[in-house]
PDB file of N, CA and C in Angstrom:
ATOM      1  N   MET A   1     110.062  -2.835  39.619  1.00  0.00           N
ATOM      2  CA  MET A   1     108.976  -2.599  38.688  1.00  0.00           C
ATOM      3  C   MET A   1     107.855  -1.840  39.412  1.00  0.00           C
ATOM      4  N   PRO A   2     107.331  -0.816  38.777  1.00  0.00           N
ATOM      5  CA  PRO A   2     106.299   0.000  39.418  1.00  0.00           C
ATOM      6  C   PRO A   2     104.900  -0.587  39.275  1.00  0.00           C
ATOM      7  N   ASN A   3     104.016  -0.118  40.121  1.00  0.00           N
ATOM      8  CA  ASN A   3     102.589  -0.416  40.017  1.00  0.00           C
ATOM      9  C   ASN A   3     101.943   0.684  39.178  1.00  0.00           C
ATOM     10  N   TYR A   4     101.050   0.293  38.293  1.00  0.00           N
ATOM     11  CA  TYR A   4     100.315   1.264  37.496  1.00  0.00           C
ATOM     12  C   TYR A   4      98.839   1.147  37.818  1.00  0.00           C
ATOM     13  N   ALA A   5      98.174   2.296  38.000  1.00  0.00           N
ATOM     14  CA  ALA A   5      96.754   2.336  38.304  1.00  0.00           C
ATOM     15  C   ALA A   5      95.965   2.515  37.006  1.00  0.00           C
ATOM     16  N   TYR A   6      94.915   1.731  36.884  1.00  0.00           N
ATOM     17  CA  TYR A   6      94.029   1.798  35.725  1.00  0.00           C
ATOM     18  C   TYR A   6      92.594   1.909  36.206  1.00  0.00           C
ATOM     19  N   THR A   7      91.750   2.467  35.361  1.00  0.00           N
ATOM     20  CA  THR A   7      90.312   2.454  35.603  1.00  0.00           C
ATOM     21  C   THR A   7      89.618   2.005  34.328  1.00  0.00           C
ATOM     22  N   CYS A   8      88.528   1.294  34.471  1.00  0.00           N
ATOM     23  CA  CYS A   8      87.773   0.792  33.327  1.00  0.00           C
ATOM     24  C   CYS A   8      86.674   1.792  32.991  1.00  0.00           C
ATOM     25  N   ARG A   9      86.565   2.145  31.718  1.00  0.00           N
ATOM     26  CA  ARG A   9      85.523   3.091  31.284  1.00  0.00           C
ATOM     27  C   ARG A   9      84.134   2.458  31.316  1.00  0.00           C
ATOM     28  N   GLN A  10      84.079   1.134  31.199  1.00  0.00           N
ATOM     29  CA  GLN A  10      82.776   0.477  31.136  1.00  0.00           C
ATOM     30  C   GLN A  10      82.223   0.149  32.528  1.00  0.00           C
ATOM     31  N   CYS A  11      83.010  -0.570  33.342  1.00  0.00           N
ATOM     32  CA  CYS A  11      82.497  -0.990  34.661  1.00  0.00           C
ATOM     33  C   CYS A  11      82.922  -0.048  35.781  1.00  0.00           C
ATOM     34  N   GLY A  12      83.898   0.833  35.529  1.00  0.00           N
ATOM     35  CA  GLY A  12      84.324   1.812  36.524  1.00  0.00           C
ATOM     36  C   GLY A  12      85.246   1.270  37.604  1.00  0.00           C
ATOM     37  N   LYS A  13      85.682   0.019  37.484  1.00  0.00           N
ATOM     38  CA  LYS A  13      86.553  -0.581  38.492  1.00  0.00           C
ATOM     39  C   LYS A  13      87.967  -0.014  38.387  1.00  0.00           C
ATOM     40  N   ASP A  14      88.552   0.315  39.541  1.00  0.00           N
ATOM     41  CA  ASP A  14      89.946   0.756  39.606  1.00  0.00           C
ATOM     42  C   ASP A  14      90.816  -0.441  39.940  1.00  0.00           C
ATOM     43  N   SER A  15      91.979  -0.549  39.269  1.00  0.00           N
ATOM     44  CA  SER A  15      92.871  -1.688  39.475  1.00  0.00           C
ATOM     45  C   SER A  15      94.312  -1.234  39.464  1.00  0.00           C
ATOM     46  N   LEU A  16      95.152  -1.983  40.168  1.00  0.00           N
ATOM     47  CA  LEU A  16      96.602  -1.775  40.141  1.00  0.00           C
ATOM     48  C   LEU A  16      97.245  -2.980  39.468  1.00  0.00           C
ATOM     49  N   PHE A  17      98.204  -2.721  38.579  1.00  0.00           N
ATOM     50  CA  PHE A  17      98.921  -3.793  37.911  1.00  0.00           C
ATOM     51  C   PHE A  17     100.417  -3.553  38.056  1.00  0.00           C
ATOM     52  N   PHE A  18     101.141  -4.600  38.354  1.00  0.00           N
ATOM     53  CA  PHE A  18     102.599  -4.585  38.513  1.00  0.00           C
ATOM     54  C   PHE A  18     103.198  -4.866  37.145  1.00  0.00           C
ATOM     55  N   GLN A  19     103.839  -3.854  36.535  1.00  0.00           N
ATOM     56  CA  GLN A  19     104.356  -3.981  35.173  1.00  0.00           C
ATOM     57  C   GLN A  19     105.763  -3.419  35.080  1.00  0.00           C
ATOM     58  N   LYS A  20     106.488  -3.874  34.065  1.00  0.00           N
ATOM     59  CA  LYS A  20     107.779  -3.270  33.744  1.00  0.00           C
ATOM     60  C   LYS A  20     107.529  -1.899  33.138  1.00  0.00           C
ATOM     61  N   ILE A  21     108.517  -1.028  33.234  1.00  0.00           N
ATOM     62  CA  ILE A  21     108.405   0.304  32.657  1.00  0.00           C
ATOM     63  C   ILE A  21     108.283   0.210  31.136  1.00  0.00           C
ATOM     64  N   THR A  22     108.914  -0.789  30.543  1.00  0.00           N
ATOM     65  CA  THR A  22     108.917  -0.934  29.091  1.00  0.00           C
ATOM     66  C   THR A  22     107.666  -1.625  28.547  1.00  0.00           C
ATOM     67  N   ASP A  23     106.805  -2.175  29.407  1.00  0.00           N
ATOM     68  CA  ASP A  23     105.577  -2.836  28.953  1.00  0.00           C
ATOM     69  C   ASP A  23     104.607  -1.815  28.373  1.00  0.00           C
ATOM     70  N   GLU A  24     103.860  -2.245  27.356  1.00  0.00           N
ATOM     71  CA  GLU A  24     102.813  -1.408  26.783  1.00  0.00           C
ATOM     72  C   GLU A  24     101.672  -1.281  27.802  1.00  0.00           C
ATOM     73  N   PRO A  25     100.993  -0.133  27.833  1.00  0.00           N
ATOM     74  CA  PRO A  25      99.848   0.016  28.739  1.00  0.00           C
ATOM     75  C   PRO A  25      98.759  -1.018  28.399  1.00  0.00           C
ATOM     76  N   LEU A  26      98.075  -1.497  29.428  1.00  0.00           N
ATOM     77  CA  LEU A  26      96.987  -2.439  29.216  1.00  0.00           C
ATOM     78  C   LEU A  26      95.808  -1.712  28.577  1.00  0.00           C
ATOM     79  N   ARG A  27      95.041  -2.419  27.751  1.00  0.00           N
ATOM     80  CA  ARG A  27      93.926  -1.798  27.034  1.00  0.00           C
ATOM     81  C   ARG A  27      92.573  -2.422  27.365  1.00  0.00           C
ATOM     82  N   VAL A  28      92.574  -3.697  27.826  1.00  0.00           N
ATOM     83  CA  VAL A  28      91.314  -4.414  28.032  1.00  0.00           C
ATOM     84  C   VAL A  28      91.155  -4.777  29.504  1.00  0.00           C
ATOM     85  N   CYS A  29      89.981  -4.480  30.059  1.00  0.00           N
ATOM     86  CA  CYS A  29      89.674  -4.795  31.451  1.00  0.00           C
ATOM     87  C   CYS A  29      89.552  -6.315  31.616  1.00  0.00           C
ATOM     88  N   PRO A  30      90.275  -6.897  32.583  1.00  0.00           N
ATOM     89  CA  PRO A  30      90.190  -8.346  32.770  1.00  0.00           C
ATOM     90  C   PRO A  30      88.838  -8.798  33.336  1.00  0.00           C
ATOM     91  N   ASP A  31      88.052  -7.886  33.913  1.00  0.00           N
ATOM     92  CA  ASP A  31      86.757  -8.243  34.496  1.00  0.00           C
ATOM     93  C   ASP A  31      85.613  -8.220  33.485  1.00  0.00           C
ATOM     94  N   CYS A  32      85.535  -7.121  32.709  1.00  0.00           N
ATOM     95  CA  CYS A  32      84.370  -6.971  31.827  1.00  0.00           C
ATOM     96  C   CYS A  32      84.723  -6.877  30.347  1.00  0.00           C
ATOM     97  N   GLY A  33      86.013  -6.717  30.015  1.00  0.00           N
ATOM     98  CA  GLY A  33      86.415  -6.591  28.612  1.00  0.00           C
ATOM     99  C   GLY A  33      86.322  -5.175  28.084  1.00  0.00           C
ATOM    100  N   GLY A  34      85.988  -4.218  28.958  1.00  0.00           N
ATOM    101  CA  GLY A  34      85.893  -2.813  28.550  1.00  0.00           C
ATOM    102  C   GLY A  34      87.263  -2.183  28.364  1.00  0.00           C
ATOM    103  N   GLU A  35      87.256  -0.916  27.992  1.00  0.00           N
ATOM    104  CA  GLU A  35      88.500  -0.181  27.733  1.00  0.00           C
ATOM    105  C   GLU A  35      89.121   0.305  29.045  1.00  0.00           C
ATOM    106  N   LEU A  36      90.421  -0.004  29.236  1.00  0.00           N
ATOM    107  CA  LEU A  36      91.167   0.475  30.405  1.00  0.00           C
ATOM    108  C   LEU A  36      91.865   1.785  30.079  1.00  0.00           C
ATOM    109  N   VAL A  37      91.939   2.666  31.057  1.00  0.00           N
ATOM    110  CA  VAL A  37      92.663   3.927  30.930  1.00  0.00           C
ATOM    111  C   VAL A  37      93.670   3.977  32.073  1.00  0.00           C
ATOM    112  N   ARG A  38      94.939   4.218  31.739  1.00  0.00           N
ATOM    113  CA  ARG A  38      95.965   4.307  32.781  1.00  0.00           C
ATOM    114  C   ARG A  38      95.892   5.678  33.435  1.00  0.00           C
ATOM    115  N   LEU A  39      95.888   5.686  34.756  1.00  0.00           N
ATOM    116  CA  LEU A  39      95.787   6.914  35.527  1.00  0.00           C
ATOM    117  C   LEU A  39      97.169   7.471  35.842  1.00  0.00           C
ATOM    118  N   LEU A  40      97.263   8.779  35.975  1.00  0.00           N
ATOM    119  CA  LEU A  40      98.512   9.418  36.385  1.00  0.00           C
ATOM    120  C   LEU A  40      98.553   9.443  37.898  1.00  0.00           C
ATOM    121  N   SER A  41      99.724   9.184  38.447  1.00  0.00           N
ATOM    122  CA  SER A  41      99.865   9.214  39.897  1.00  0.00           C
ATOM    123  C   SER A  41     100.906  10.250  40.291  1.00  0.00           C
ATOM    124  N   GLY A  42     100.906  10.568  41.579  1.00  0.00           N
ATOM    125  CA  GLY A  42     101.841  11.559  42.095  1.00  0.00           C
ATOM    126  C   GLY A  42     103.252  11.025  42.253  1.00  0.00           C
ATOM    127  N   GLY A  43     103.434   9.726  42.117  1.00  0.00           N
ATOM    128  CA  GLY A  43     104.754   9.141  42.285  1.00  0.00           C
ATOM    129  C   GLY A  43     105.026   8.781  43.729  1.00  0.00           C
ATOM    130  N   ALA A  44     106.163   8.241  43.931  1.00  0.00           N
ATOM    131  CA  ALA A  44     106.542   7.793  45.273  1.00  0.00           C
ATOM    132  C   ALA A  44     107.311   8.883  46.004  1.00  0.00           C
ATOM    133  N   ALA A  45     107.157   8.927  47.285  1.00  0.00           N
ATOM    134  CA  ALA A  45     107.886   9.880  48.118  1.00  0.00           C
ATOM    135  C   ALA A  45     109.249   9.304  48.490  1.00  0.00           C
ATOM    136  N   VAL A  46     110.170  10.175  48.782  1.00  0.00           N
ATOM    137  CA  VAL A  46     111.485   9.748  49.239  1.00  0.00           C
ATOM    138  C   VAL A  46     111.369   9.330  50.697  1.00  0.00           C
ATOM    139  N   ILE A  47     111.921   8.189  51.027  1.00  0.00           N
ATOM    140  CA  ILE A  47     111.873   7.687  52.398  1.00  0.00           C
ATOM    141  C   ILE A  47     113.306   7.565  52.900  1.00  0.00           C
ATOM    142  N   TYR A  48     113.597   8.268  53.979  1.00  0.00           N
ATOM    143  CA  TYR A  48     114.911   8.181  54.596  1.00  0.00           C
ATOM    144  C   TYR A  48     114.834   7.190  55.744  1.00  0.00           C
ATOM    145  N   LYS A  49     115.683   6.181  55.700  1.00  0.00           N
ATOM    146  CA  LYS A  49     115.690   5.183  56.766  1.00  0.00           C
ATOM    147  C   LYS A  49     117.030   5.242  57.482  1.00  0.00           C
ATOM    148  N   GLY A  50     117.029   4.862  58.739  1.00  0.00           N
ATOM    149  CA  GLY A  50     118.264   4.827  59.504  1.00  0.00           C
ATOM    150  C   GLY A  50     118.491   6.115  60.269  1.00  0.00           C
ATOM    151  N   SER A  51     119.547   6.143  61.021  1.00  0.00           N
ATOM    152  CA  SER A  51     119.856   7.334  61.800  1.00  0.00           C
ATOM    153  C   SER A  51     120.635   8.315  60.941  1.00  0.00           C
ATOM    154  N   GLY A  52     120.611   9.552  61.326  1.00  0.00           N
ATOM    155  CA  GLY A  52     121.361  10.555  60.594  1.00  0.00           C
ATOM    156  C   GLY A  52     120.456  11.617  60.023  1.00  0.00           C
ATOM    157  N   PHE A  53     120.806  12.101  58.881  1.00  0.00           N
ATOM    158  CA  PHE A  53     120.166  13.170  58.131  1.00  0.00           C
ATOM    159  C   PHE A  53     119.334  14.122  58.993  1.00  0.00           C
ATOM    160  N   TYR A  54     118.055  13.889  59.170  1.00  0.00           N
ATOM    161  CA  TYR A  54     117.187  14.831  59.880  1.00  0.00           C
ATOM    162  C   TYR A  54     117.534  14.934  61.354  1.00  0.00           C
ATOM    163  N   VAL A  55     117.676  13.807  62.021  1.00  0.00           N
ATOM    164  CA  VAL A  55     117.892  13.815  63.470  1.00  0.00           C
ATOM    165  C   VAL A  55     119.188  14.528  63.820  1.00  0.00           C
ATOM    166  N   ASN A  56     120.231  14.280  63.074  1.00  0.00           N
ATOM    167  CA  ASN A  56     121.537  14.855  63.405  1.00  0.00           C
ATOM    168  C   ASN A  56     121.777  16.234  62.792  1.00  0.00           C
ATOM    169  N   ASP A  57     121.207  16.496  61.631  1.00  0.00           N
ATOM    170  CA  ASP A  57     121.572  17.711  60.916  1.00  0.00           C
ATOM    171  C   ASP A  57     120.522  18.815  60.901  1.00  0.00           C
ATOM    172  N   TYR A  58     119.244  18.465  60.858  1.00  0.00           N
ATOM    173  CA  TYR A  58     118.232  19.477  60.627  1.00  0.00           C
ATOM    174  C   TYR A  58     117.165  19.587  61.709  1.00  0.00           C
ATOM    175  N   LYS A  59     117.145  18.716  62.653  1.00  0.00           N
ATOM    176  CA  LYS A  59     116.133  18.760  63.697  1.00  0.00           C
ATOM    177  C   LYS A  59     116.365  19.992  64.563  1.00  0.00           C
ATOM    178  N   LYS A  60     115.278  20.704  64.913  1.00  0.00           N
ATOM    179  CA  LYS A  60     115.403  21.894  65.755  1.00  0.00           C
ATOM    180  C   LYS A  60     115.894  21.493  67.134  1.00  0.00           C
ATOM    181  N   LYS A  61     116.836  22.242  67.609  1.00  0.00           N
ATOM    182  CA  LYS A  61     117.340  22.033  68.957  1.00  0.00           C
ATOM    183  C   LYS A  61     116.547  22.919  69.902  1.00  0.00           C
ATOM    184  N   ASP A  62     116.780  22.775  71.182  1.00  0.00           N
ATOM    185  CA  ASP A  62     116.124  23.634  72.159  1.00  0.00           C
ATOM    186  C   ASP A  62     116.459  25.082  71.797  1.00  0.00           C
ATOM    187  N   THR A  63     115.459  25.916  71.595  1.00  0.00           N
ATOM    188  CA  THR A  63     115.680  27.272  71.084  1.00  0.00           C
ATOM    189  C   THR A  63     116.501  28.137  72.027  1.00  0.00           C
ATOM    190  N   GLN A  64     116.326  28.021  73.335  1.00  0.00           N
ATOM    191  CA  GLN A  64     117.102  28.825  74.271  1.00  0.00           C
ATOM    192  C   GLN A  64     118.563  28.401  74.260  1.00  0.00           C
ATOM    193  N   ALA A  65     118.814  27.111  74.281  1.00  0.00           N
ATOM    194  CA  ALA A  65     120.200  26.632  74.271  1.00  0.00           C
ATOM    195  C   ALA A  65     120.867  26.987  72.949  1.00  0.00           C
ATOM    196  N   ALA A  66     120.147  26.829  71.852  1.00  0.00           N
ATOM    197  CA  ALA A  66     120.710  27.139  70.543  1.00  0.00           C
ATOM    198  C   ALA A  66     120.993  28.631  70.417  1.00  0.00           C
ATOM    199  N   ALA A  67     120.108  29.469  70.925  1.00  0.00           N
ATOM    200  CA  ALA A  67     120.320  30.920  70.859  1.00  0.00           C
ATOM    201  C   ALA A  67     121.527  31.326  71.704  1.00  0.00           C
ATOM    202  N   GLY A  68     121.669  30.723  72.879  1.00  0.00           N
ATOM    203  CA  GLY A  68     122.819  31.019  73.739  1.00  0.00           C
ATOM    204  C   GLY A  68     124.122  30.599  73.083  1.00  0.00           C
ATOM    205  N   GLU A  69     124.123  29.450  72.422  1.00  0.00           N
ATOM    206  CA  GLU A  69     125.331  28.975  71.766  1.00  0.00           C
ATOM    207  C   GLU A  69     125.705  29.912  70.611  1.00  0.00           C
ATOM    208  N   LYS A  70     124.718  30.362  69.857  1.00  0.00           N
ATOM    209  CA  LYS A  70     124.992  31.248  68.732  1.00  0.00           C
ATOM    210  C   LYS A  70     125.558  32.572  69.199  1.00  0.00           C
ATOM    211  N   VAL A  71     125.017  33.139  70.281  1.00  0.00           N
ATOM    212  CA  VAL A  71     125.509  34.402  70.807  1.00  0.00           C
ATOM    213  C   VAL A  71     126.942  34.256  71.273  1.00  0.00           C
ATOM    214  N   ALA A  72     127.234  33.166  71.989  1.00  0.00           N
ATOM    215  CA  ALA A  72     128.579  32.952  72.521  1.00  0.00           C
ATOM    216  C   ALA A  72     129.572  32.770  71.371  1.00  0.00           C
ATOM    217  N   VAL A  73     129.193  32.062  70.333  1.00  0.00           N
ATOM    218  CA  VAL A  73     130.091  31.831  69.190  1.00  0.00           C
ATOM    219  C   VAL A  73     130.297  33.127  68.436  1.00  0.00           C
ATOM    220  N   ASN A  74     129.252  33.905  68.219  1.00  0.00           N
ATOM    221  CA  ASN A  74     129.364  35.143  67.455  1.00  0.00           C
ATOM    222  C   ASN A  74     130.066  36.245  68.243  1.00  0.00           C
ATOM    223  N   ALA A  75     129.991  36.233  69.572  1.00  0.00           N
ATOM    224  CA  ALA A  75     130.599  37.275  70.388  1.00  0.00           C
ATOM    225  C   ALA A  75     132.119  37.153  70.403  1.00  0.00           C
ATOM    226  N   ASN A  76     132.640  35.952  70.303  1.00  0.00           N
ATOM    227  CA  ASN A  76     134.094  35.739  70.327  1.00  0.00           C
ATOM    228  C   ASN A  76     134.557  35.124  69.019  1.00  0.00           C
ATOM    229  N   PRO A  77     134.820  35.959  68.008  1.00  0.00           N
ATOM    230  CA  PRO A  77     135.220  35.401  66.697  1.00  0.00           C
ATOM    231  C   PRO A  77     136.595  34.800  66.677  1.00  0.00           C
TER     232      PRO A  77
END
């Protein structure tokens, strides 16, 4: 279940609420009773955990060694 950010139009307090995706947006501020407005967020970033992906496949290698390997491979097809 995601966290949703809200701000109150009356008191200006920002709050996070843990809700189901199917829940209706909250309308009343629990602190002052004012009108709540749900804020748009950028979403969550992808997090890669464990070994692999970047370290093994995409991390830059030593440029001189990598250039030498490429020349040797390309010179003898």
